[in-house]
């Protein structure tokens, strides 16, 4: 594996652990400059999320700048038109795979809904700028780390299934929700398939970004509208059932 890839993995792991220092640091700095410490304890989490993810993305892009400029590893890549259609189709494929995995988890008794997702949605509702992390920066970093680097390194030695399985399980565990390992692993498989099919990391990135944005819009921006529609449907069903 290229040394740049090792640096990217180190940067990503450091980002995941950085909140242990970053959040208390922002809280202290805010209090030092006269801000209310209780207020800073609340603000420190979204601020550090955006700072740490943004800095890490910049580092990753700098480390990959030669590949980005030269377009290396694209000799056998899909054409621009084919990549576009796979990107669009990949969104529906990812949503379909997610629905199957979610239903399977429900059937075996796993509680529906992701606590991790709900926490992020809660933060976004209070601090909308965090959507930059959940919908854009986060998916870009995850696809580079888990698909381009980890899956890519494994796929040079193993077949697709084993490579996708190992990298997807690591991807799932990185979300710190082991009860939803099936759901996250299924998404990992889907994005790995898009990557190996097109040989362009931009394809699973677009699919991942679009899917995350869709989930955020559904669960935050349009949540009240959806709940109202569901209530209206329940009223209609009750009315029909009364006849």
C-alpha atoms as a PDB file:
ATOM      1  CA  UNK A   1       0.000   0.000   0.000  1.00  0.00           C
ATOM      2  CA  UNK A   2       1.240   3.485  -0.853  1.00  0.00           C
ATOM      3  CA  UNK A   3       2.714   5.522   1.982  1.00  0.00           C
ATOM      4  CA  UNK A   4       0.169   8.264   1.232  1.00  0.00           C
ATOM      5  CA  UNK A   5      -2.598   5.786   1.967  1.00  0.00           C
ATOM      6  CA  UNK A   6      -1.062   4.950   5.334  1.00  0.00           C
ATOM      7  CA  UNK A   7      -0.949   8.661   6.156  1.00  0.00           C
ATOM      8  CA  UNK A   8      -4.615   8.966   5.201  1.00  0.00           C
ATOM      9  CA  UNK A   9      -5.562   6.072   7.492  1.00  0.00           C
ATOM     10  CA  UNK A  10      -3.594   7.658  10.347  1.00  0.00           C
ATOM     11  CA  UNK A  11      -5.262  11.038   9.713  1.00  0.00           C
ATOM     12  CA  UNK A  12      -8.724   9.430   9.691  1.00  0.00           C
ATOM     13  CA  UNK A  13      -8.122   7.527  12.939  1.00  0.00           C
ATOM     14  CA  UNK A  14      -6.681  10.676  14.536  1.00  0.00           C
ATOM     15  CA  UNK A  15      -9.812  12.572  13.481  1.00  0.00           C
ATOM     16  CA  UNK A  16     -12.048   9.952  15.113  1.00  0.00           C
ATOM     17  CA  UNK A  17     -10.122  10.259  18.381  1.00  0.00           C
ATOM     18  CA  UNK A  18      -9.552  14.014  18.231  1.00  0.00           C
ATOM     19  CA  UNK A  19     -12.834  14.880  19.962  1.00  0.00           C
ATOM     20  CA  UNK A  20     -11.308  13.717  23.247  1.00  0.00           C
ATOM     21  CA  UNK A  21      -9.014  16.751  23.056  1.00  0.00           C
ATOM     22  CA  UNK A  22     -10.775  19.065  20.614  1.00  0.00           C
ATOM     23  CA  UNK A  23     -14.136  19.428  22.351  1.00  0.00           C
ATOM     24  CA  UNK A  24     -12.654  20.278  25.793  1.00  0.00           C
ATOM     25  CA  UNK A  25     -10.219  22.638  24.042  1.00  0.00           C
ATOM     26  CA  UNK A  26     -12.978  24.600  22.304  1.00  0.00           C
ATOM     27  CA  UNK A  27     -14.975  24.699  25.529  1.00  0.00           C
ATOM     28  CA  UNK A  28     -11.952  26.073  27.401  1.00  0.00           C
ATOM     29  CA  UNK A  29     -11.145  28.663  24.722  1.00  0.00           C
ATOM     30  CA  UNK A  30     -14.724  29.870  24.638  1.00  0.00           C
ATOM     31  CA  UNK A  31     -14.834  30.214  28.412  1.00  0.00           C
ATOM     32  CA  UNK A  32     -11.414  31.923  28.356  1.00  0.00           C
ATOM     33  CA  UNK A  33     -12.779  34.592  26.008  1.00  0.00           C
ATOM     34  CA  UNK A  34     -15.809  35.246  28.194  1.00  0.00           C
ATOM     35  CA  UNK A  35     -18.414  32.877  26.774  1.00  0.00           C
ATOM     36  CA  UNK A  36     -20.772  30.990  29.046  1.00  0.00           C
ATOM     37  CA  UNK A  37     -19.205  27.592  29.757  1.00  0.00           C
ATOM     38  CA  UNK A  38     -22.563  25.775  29.530  1.00  0.00           C
ATOM     39  CA  UNK A  39     -23.172  27.329  26.142  1.00  0.00           C
ATOM     40  CA  UNK A  40     -19.694  26.393  24.980  1.00  0.00           C
ATOM     41  CA  UNK A  41     -20.172  22.774  26.076  1.00  0.00           C
ATOM     42  CA  UNK A  42     -23.108  22.619  23.668  1.00  0.00           C
ATOM     43  CA  UNK A  43     -21.381  24.510  20.840  1.00  0.00           C
ATOM     44  CA  UNK A  44     -18.105  22.629  21.120  1.00  0.00           C
ATOM     45  CA  UNK A  45     -19.486  19.386  19.636  1.00  0.00           C
ATOM     46  CA  UNK A  46     -20.784  20.745  16.292  1.00  0.00           C
ATOM     47  CA  UNK A  47     -17.864  23.176  15.974  1.00  0.00           C
ATOM     48  CA  UNK A  48     -15.304  20.420  16.442  1.00  0.00           C
ATOM     49  CA  UNK A  49     -17.154  18.084  14.084  1.00  0.00           C
ATOM     50  CA  UNK A  50     -16.895  20.621  11.278  1.00  0.00           C
ATOM     51  CA  UNK A  51     -13.314  21.631  12.103  1.00  0.00           C
ATOM     52  CA  UNK A  52     -11.909  18.114  12.468  1.00  0.00           C
ATOM     53  CA  UNK A  53     -13.665  16.699   9.391  1.00  0.00           C
ATOM     54  CA  UNK A  54     -12.767  19.701   7.228  1.00  0.00           C
ATOM     55  CA  UNK A  55      -9.100  19.654   8.234  1.00  0.00           C
ATOM     56  CA  UNK A  56      -8.911  15.903   7.640  1.00  0.00           C
ATOM     57  CA  UNK A  57     -10.505  16.216   4.202  1.00  0.00           C
ATOM     58  CA  UNK A  58      -7.985  18.901   3.246  1.00  0.00           C
ATOM     59  CA  UNK A  59      -5.116  16.667   4.407  1.00  0.00           C
ATOM     60  CA  UNK A  60      -6.514  13.706   2.460  1.00  0.00           C
ATOM     61  CA  UNK A  61      -6.955  15.723  -0.734  1.00  0.00           C
ATOM     62  CA  UNK A  62      -3.423  17.081  -0.434  1.00  0.00           C
ATOM     63  CA  UNK A  63      -2.069  13.549  -0.044  1.00  0.00           C
ATOM     64  CA  UNK A  64      -4.058  12.439  -3.099  1.00  0.00           C
ATOM     65  CA  UNK A  65      -3.310  15.521  -5.191  1.00  0.00           C
ATOM     66  CA  UNK A  66      -0.983  13.659  -7.584  1.00  0.00           C
ATOM     67  CA  UNK A  67      -3.608  11.002  -8.279  1.00  0.00           C
ATOM     68  CA  UNK A  68      -6.279  13.666  -8.712  1.00  0.00           C
ATOM     69  CA  UNK A  69      -4.151  15.708 -11.133  1.00  0.00           C
ATOM     70  CA  UNK A  70      -2.773  12.812 -13.183  1.00  0.00           C
ATOM     71  CA  UNK A  71      -5.931  10.715 -13.007  1.00  0.00           C
ATOM     72  CA  UNK A  72      -3.922   7.612 -12.211  1.00  0.00           C
ATOM     73  CA  UNK A  73      -5.621   4.244 -11.734  1.00  0.00           C
ATOM     74  CA  UNK A  74      -8.310   5.198 -14.290  1.00  0.00           C
ATOM     75  CA  UNK A  75      -6.966   3.200 -17.262  1.00  0.00           C
ATOM     76  CA  UNK A  76      -9.736   0.613 -16.988  1.00  0.00           C
ATOM     77  CA  UNK A  77     -12.274   2.992 -15.499  1.00  0.00           C
ATOM     78  CA  UNK A  78     -15.777   3.447 -16.851  1.00  0.00           C
ATOM     79  CA  UNK A  79     -16.430   6.331 -19.198  1.00  0.00           C
ATOM     80  CA  UNK A  80     -17.797   9.617 -17.909  1.00  0.00           C
ATOM     81  CA  UNK A  81     -21.274   8.837 -19.259  1.00  0.00           C
ATOM     82  CA  UNK A  82     -21.282   5.328 -17.795  1.00  0.00           C
ATOM     83  CA  UNK A  83     -20.015   6.677 -14.462  1.00  0.00           C
ATOM     84  CA  UNK A  84     -22.835   9.217 -14.427  1.00  0.00           C
ATOM     85  CA  UNK A  85     -25.494   6.557 -14.910  1.00  0.00           C
ATOM     86  CA  UNK A  86     -23.888   4.294 -12.309  1.00  0.00           C
ATOM     87  CA  UNK A  87     -23.814   7.240  -9.885  1.00  0.00           C
ATOM     88  CA  UNK A  88     -27.529   7.879 -10.370  1.00  0.00           C
ATOM     89  CA  UNK A  89     -28.417   4.199 -10.357  1.00  0.00           C
ATOM     90  CA  UNK A  90     -26.158   3.678  -7.367  1.00  0.00           C
ATOM     91  CA  UNK A  91     -28.372   5.934  -5.260  1.00  0.00           C
ATOM     92  CA  UNK A  92     -31.412   3.738  -5.912  1.00  0.00           C
ATOM     93  CA  UNK A  93     -29.320   0.599  -5.466  1.00  0.00           C
ATOM     94  CA  UNK A  94     -28.080   1.873  -2.097  1.00  0.00           C
ATOM     95  CA  UNK A  95     -31.582   2.809  -0.939  1.00  0.00           C
ATOM     96  CA  UNK A  96     -32.921  -0.579  -2.072  1.00  0.00           C
ATOM     97  CA  UNK A  97     -30.109  -2.437  -0.281  1.00  0.00           C
ATOM     98  CA  UNK A  98     -30.665  -0.352   2.840  1.00  0.00           C
ATOM     99  CA  UNK A  99     -34.397  -1.141   2.900  1.00  0.00           C
ATOM    100  CA  UNK A 100     -33.732  -4.890   2.544  1.00  0.00           C
ATOM    101  CA  UNK A 101     -31.140  -4.837   5.331  1.00  0.00           C
ATOM    102  CA  UNK A 102     -33.412  -2.775   7.595  1.00  0.00           C
ATOM    103  CA  UNK A 103     -36.314  -5.175   7.079  1.00  0.00           C
ATOM    104  CA  UNK A 104     -34.055  -8.158   7.754  1.00  0.00           C
ATOM    105  CA  UNK A 105     -32.857  -6.579  11.014  1.00  0.00           C
ATOM    106  CA  UNK A 106     -36.476  -5.987  11.992  1.00  0.00           C
ATOM    107  CA  UNK A 107     -37.355  -9.615  11.294  1.00  0.00           C
ATOM    108  CA  UNK A 108     -34.598 -10.904  13.584  1.00  0.00           C
ATOM    109  CA  UNK A 109     -35.664  -8.558  16.365  1.00  0.00           C
ATOM    110  CA  UNK A 110     -33.277  -5.635  16.020  1.00  0.00           C
ATOM    111  CA  UNK A 111     -34.867  -2.311  16.899  1.00  0.00           C
ATOM    112  CA  UNK A 112     -35.491  -0.100  13.880  1.00  0.00           C
ATOM    113  CA  UNK A 113     -33.722   3.225  13.645  1.00  0.00           C
ATOM    114  CA  UNK A 114     -30.132   4.299  14.165  1.00  0.00           C
ATOM    115  CA  UNK A 115     -29.183   6.073  17.375  1.00  0.00           C
ATOM    116  CA  UNK A 116     -26.139   7.470  15.598  1.00  0.00           C
ATOM    117  CA  UNK A 117     -28.312   8.941  12.835  1.00  0.00           C
ATOM    118  CA  UNK A 118     -30.773  10.399  15.325  1.00  0.00           C
ATOM    119  CA  UNK A 119     -27.960  12.098  17.232  1.00  0.00           C
ATOM    120  CA  UNK A 120     -26.644  13.631  14.031  1.00  0.00           C
ATOM    121  CA  UNK A 121     -30.131  14.770  12.995  1.00  0.00           C
ATOM    122  CA  UNK A 122     -30.607  16.329  16.437  1.00  0.00           C
ATOM    123  CA  UNK A 123     -27.349  18.258  16.079  1.00  0.00           C
ATOM    124  CA  UNK A 124     -28.248  19.378  12.547  1.00  0.00           C
ATOM    125  CA  UNK A 125     -31.631  20.684  13.698  1.00  0.00           C
ATOM    126  CA  UNK A 126     -29.844  22.941  16.201  1.00  0.00           C
ATOM    127  CA  UNK A 127     -26.776  23.670  14.066  1.00  0.00           C
ATOM    128  CA  UNK A 128     -27.631  23.323  10.338  1.00  0.00           C
ATOM    129  CA  UNK A 129     -24.011  23.871   9.252  1.00  0.00           C
ATOM    130  CA  UNK A 130     -23.218  20.347  10.521  1.00  0.00           C
ATOM    131  CA  UNK A 131     -24.976  19.063   7.384  1.00  0.00           C
ATOM    132  CA  UNK A 132     -21.664  19.756   5.639  1.00  0.00           C
ATOM    133  CA  UNK A 133     -20.172  16.896   7.646  1.00  0.00           C
ATOM    134  CA  UNK A 134     -23.051  14.403   7.508  1.00  0.00           C
ATOM    135  CA  UNK A 135     -23.945  14.889   3.862  1.00  0.00           C
ATOM    136  CA  UNK A 136     -20.684  15.822   2.162  1.00  0.00           C
ATOM    137  CA  UNK A 137     -17.387  15.677   4.022  1.00  0.00           C
ATOM    138  CA  UNK A 138     -18.153  12.496   5.976  1.00  0.00           C
ATOM    139  CA  UNK A 139     -19.219  10.378   2.961  1.00  0.00           C
ATOM    140  CA  UNK A 140     -16.249  11.593   0.902  1.00  0.00           C
ATOM    141  CA  UNK A 141     -13.794  10.602   3.637  1.00  0.00           C
ATOM    142  CA  UNK A 142     -15.508   7.257   4.227  1.00  0.00           C
ATOM    143  CA  UNK A 143     -15.414   6.296   0.566  1.00  0.00           C
ATOM    144  CA  UNK A 144     -11.746   7.220   0.250  1.00  0.00           C
ATOM    145  CA  UNK A 145     -10.802   5.355   3.435  1.00  0.00           C
ATOM    146  CA  UNK A 146     -13.055   2.288   3.322  1.00  0.00           C
ATOM    147  CA  UNK A 147     -13.483   1.751  -0.416  1.00  0.00           C
ATOM    148  CA  UNK A 148     -10.469   3.246  -2.184  1.00  0.00           C
ATOM    149  CA  UNK A 149      -7.856   2.332   0.432  1.00  0.00           C
ATOM    150  CA  UNK A 150      -9.057  -0.581   2.583  1.00  0.00           C
ATOM    151  CA  UNK A 151     -11.236  -2.369   0.018  1.00  0.00           C
ATOM    152  CA  UNK A 152      -8.778  -1.508  -2.762  1.00  0.00           C
ATOM    153  CA  UNK A 153      -5.833  -3.008  -0.858  1.00  0.00           C
ATOM    154  CA  UNK A 154      -7.790  -6.168   0.002  1.00  0.00           C
ATOM    155  CA  UNK A 155      -9.118  -6.596  -3.529  1.00  0.00           C
ATOM    156  CA  UNK A 156      -5.573  -6.839  -4.867  1.00  0.00           C
ATOM    157  CA  UNK A 157      -5.135 -10.040  -2.844  1.00  0.00           C
ATOM    158  CA  UNK A 158      -8.655 -11.429  -2.364  1.00  0.00           C
ATOM    159  CA  UNK A 159     -11.792 -11.884  -4.432  1.00  0.00           C
ATOM    160  CA  UNK A 160     -14.555  -9.306  -4.426  1.00  0.00           C
ATOM    161  CA  UNK A 161     -16.764 -11.029  -1.847  1.00  0.00           C
ATOM    162  CA  UNK A 162     -14.073 -11.392   0.835  1.00  0.00           C
ATOM    163  CA  UNK A 163     -12.659  -7.932   0.148  1.00  0.00           C
ATOM    164  CA  UNK A 164     -16.091  -6.331   0.360  1.00  0.00           C
ATOM    165  CA  UNK A 165     -17.021  -8.380   3.433  1.00  0.00           C
ATOM    166  CA  UNK A 166     -13.935  -7.431   5.447  1.00  0.00           C
ATOM    167  CA  UNK A 167     -13.940  -3.766   4.456  1.00  0.00           C
ATOM    168  CA  UNK A 168     -17.716  -3.496   4.982  1.00  0.00           C
ATOM    169  CA  UNK A 169     -17.550  -4.996   8.480  1.00  0.00           C
ATOM    170  CA  UNK A 170     -14.769  -2.537   9.367  1.00  0.00           C
ATOM    171  CA  UNK A 171     -16.937   0.233   7.884  1.00  0.00           C
ATOM    172  CA  UNK A 172     -19.883  -0.924  10.008  1.00  0.00           C
ATOM    173  CA  UNK A 173     -17.877  -1.151  13.232  1.00  0.00           C
ATOM    174  CA  UNK A 174     -16.475   2.340  12.618  1.00  0.00           C
ATOM    175  CA  UNK A 175     -20.005   3.696  13.125  1.00  0.00           C
ATOM    176  CA  UNK A 176     -20.022   2.309  16.700  1.00  0.00           C
ATOM    177  CA  UNK A 177     -23.422   0.658  16.326  1.00  0.00           C
ATOM    178  CA  UNK A 178     -22.650  -3.076  16.359  1.00  0.00           C
ATOM    179  CA  UNK A 179     -26.353  -3.929  16.541  1.00  0.00           C
ATOM    180  CA  UNK A 180     -26.715  -2.499  13.014  1.00  0.00           C
ATOM    181  CA  UNK A 181     -23.690  -4.271  11.562  1.00  0.00           C
ATOM    182  CA  UNK A 182     -25.898  -5.911   8.912  1.00  0.00           C
ATOM    183  CA  UNK A 183     -27.283  -2.566   7.768  1.00  0.00           C
ATOM    184  CA  UNK A 184     -23.926  -0.802   7.542  1.00  0.00           C
ATOM    185  CA  UNK A 185     -22.211  -3.830   6.005  1.00  0.00           C
ATOM    186  CA  UNK A 186     -24.873  -4.008   3.305  1.00  0.00           C
ATOM    187  CA  UNK A 187     -24.211  -0.377   2.444  1.00  0.00           C
ATOM    188  CA  UNK A 188     -20.484  -1.119   2.400  1.00  0.00           C
ATOM    189  CA  UNK A 189     -21.065  -3.968  -0.068  1.00  0.00           C
ATOM    190  CA  UNK A 190     -23.149  -1.708  -2.284  1.00  0.00           C
ATOM    191  CA  UNK A 191     -20.558   1.062  -2.437  1.00  0.00           C
ATOM    192  CA  UNK A 192     -17.753  -1.475  -2.967  1.00  0.00           C
ATOM    193  CA  UNK A 193     -19.688  -2.913  -5.907  1.00  0.00           C
ATOM    194  CA  UNK A 194     -20.088   0.546  -7.447  1.00  0.00           C
ATOM    195  CA  UNK A 195     -16.381   1.174  -7.026  1.00  0.00           C
ATOM    196  CA  UNK A 196     -15.190  -2.100  -8.529  1.00  0.00           C
ATOM    197  CA  UNK A 197     -17.762  -1.868 -11.335  1.00  0.00           C
ATOM    198  CA  UNK A 198     -16.626   1.580 -12.488  1.00  0.00           C
ATOM    199  CA  UNK A 199     -13.078   1.805 -11.083  1.00  0.00           C
ATOM    200  CA  UNK A 200     -13.923   5.396 -10.157  1.00  0.00           C
ATOM    201  CA  UNK A 201     -14.160   6.370  -6.485  1.00  0.00           C
ATOM    202  CA  UNK A 202     -16.275   9.375  -7.443  1.00  0.00           C
ATOM    203  CA  UNK A 203     -19.182   7.013  -8.247  1.00  0.00           C
ATOM    204  CA  UNK A 204     -19.694   5.582  -4.716  1.00  0.00           C
ATOM    205  CA  UNK A 205     -18.917   9.056  -3.340  1.00  0.00           C
ATOM    206  CA  UNK A 206     -21.818  10.570  -5.304  1.00  0.00           C
ATOM    207  CA  UNK A 207     -24.140   7.718  -4.318  1.00  0.00           C
ATOM    208  CA  UNK A 208     -23.125   7.984  -0.644  1.00  0.00           C
ATOM    209  CA  UNK A 209     -23.421  11.790  -0.563  1.00  0.00           C
ATOM    210  CA  UNK A 210     -26.825  11.715  -2.243  1.00  0.00           C
ATOM    211  CA  UNK A 211     -28.162   8.999   0.052  1.00  0.00           C
ATOM    212  CA  UNK A 212     -26.985  10.758   3.217  1.00  0.00           C
ATOM    213  CA  UNK A 213     -28.452  14.054   2.016  1.00  0.00           C
ATOM    214  CA  UNK A 214     -31.746  12.308   1.255  1.00  0.00           C
ATOM    215  CA  UNK A 215     -31.871  10.772   4.743  1.00  0.00           C
ATOM    216  CA  UNK A 216     -31.127  14.137   6.385  1.00  0.00           C
ATOM    217  CA  UNK A 217     -33.830  15.896   4.360  1.00  0.00           C
ATOM    218  CA  UNK A 218     -36.387  13.193   5.131  1.00  0.00           C
ATOM    219  CA  UNK A 219     -35.643  13.016   8.865  1.00  0.00           C
ATOM    220  CA  UNK A 220     -35.134  16.708   9.579  1.00  0.00           C
ATOM    221  CA  UNK A 221     -36.339  19.191   6.972  1.00  0.00           C
ATOM    222  CA  UNK A 222     -39.454  17.262   5.866  1.00  0.00           C
ATOM    223  CA  UNK A 223     -40.078  15.261   9.046  1.00  0.00           C
ATOM    224  CA  UNK A 224     -43.113  17.294  10.115  1.00  0.00           C
ATOM    225  CA  UNK A 225     -44.643  17.066   6.629  1.00  0.00           C
ATOM    226  CA  UNK A 226     -44.126  13.290   6.559  1.00  0.00           C
ATOM    227  CA  UNK A 227     -45.605  12.889  10.043  1.00  0.00           C
ATOM    228  CA  UNK A 228     -48.618  14.969   8.985  1.00  0.00           C
ATOM    229  CA  UNK A 229     -49.119  12.824   5.871  1.00  0.00           C
ATOM    230  CA  UNK A 230     -48.915   9.645   7.963  1.00  0.00           C
ATOM    231  CA  UNK A 231     -51.477  11.042  10.431  1.00  0.00           C
ATOM    232  CA  UNK A 232     -53.804  11.930   7.531  1.00  0.00           C
ATOM    233  CA  UNK A 233     -53.401   8.415   6.117  1.00  0.00           C
ATOM    234  CA  UNK A 234     -54.270   6.919   9.504  1.00  0.00           C
ATOM    235  CA  UNK A 235     -57.409   9.088   9.643  1.00  0.00           C
ATOM    236  CA  UNK A 236     -58.422   7.939   6.163  1.00  0.00           C
ATOM    237  CA  UNK A 237     -57.853   4.299   7.084  1.00  0.00           C
ATOM    238  CA  UNK A 238     -59.928   4.763  10.238  1.00  0.00           C
ATOM    239  CA  UNK A 239     -62.680   6.397   8.223  1.00  0.00           C
ATOM    240  CA  UNK A 240     -62.698   3.602   5.643  1.00  0.00           C
ATOM    241  CA  UNK A 241     -62.660   1.002   8.418  1.00  0.00           C
ATOM    242  CA  UNK A 242     -65.784   2.581   9.905  1.00  0.00           C
ATOM    243  CA  UNK A 243     -67.906   1.700   6.895  1.00  0.00           C
END
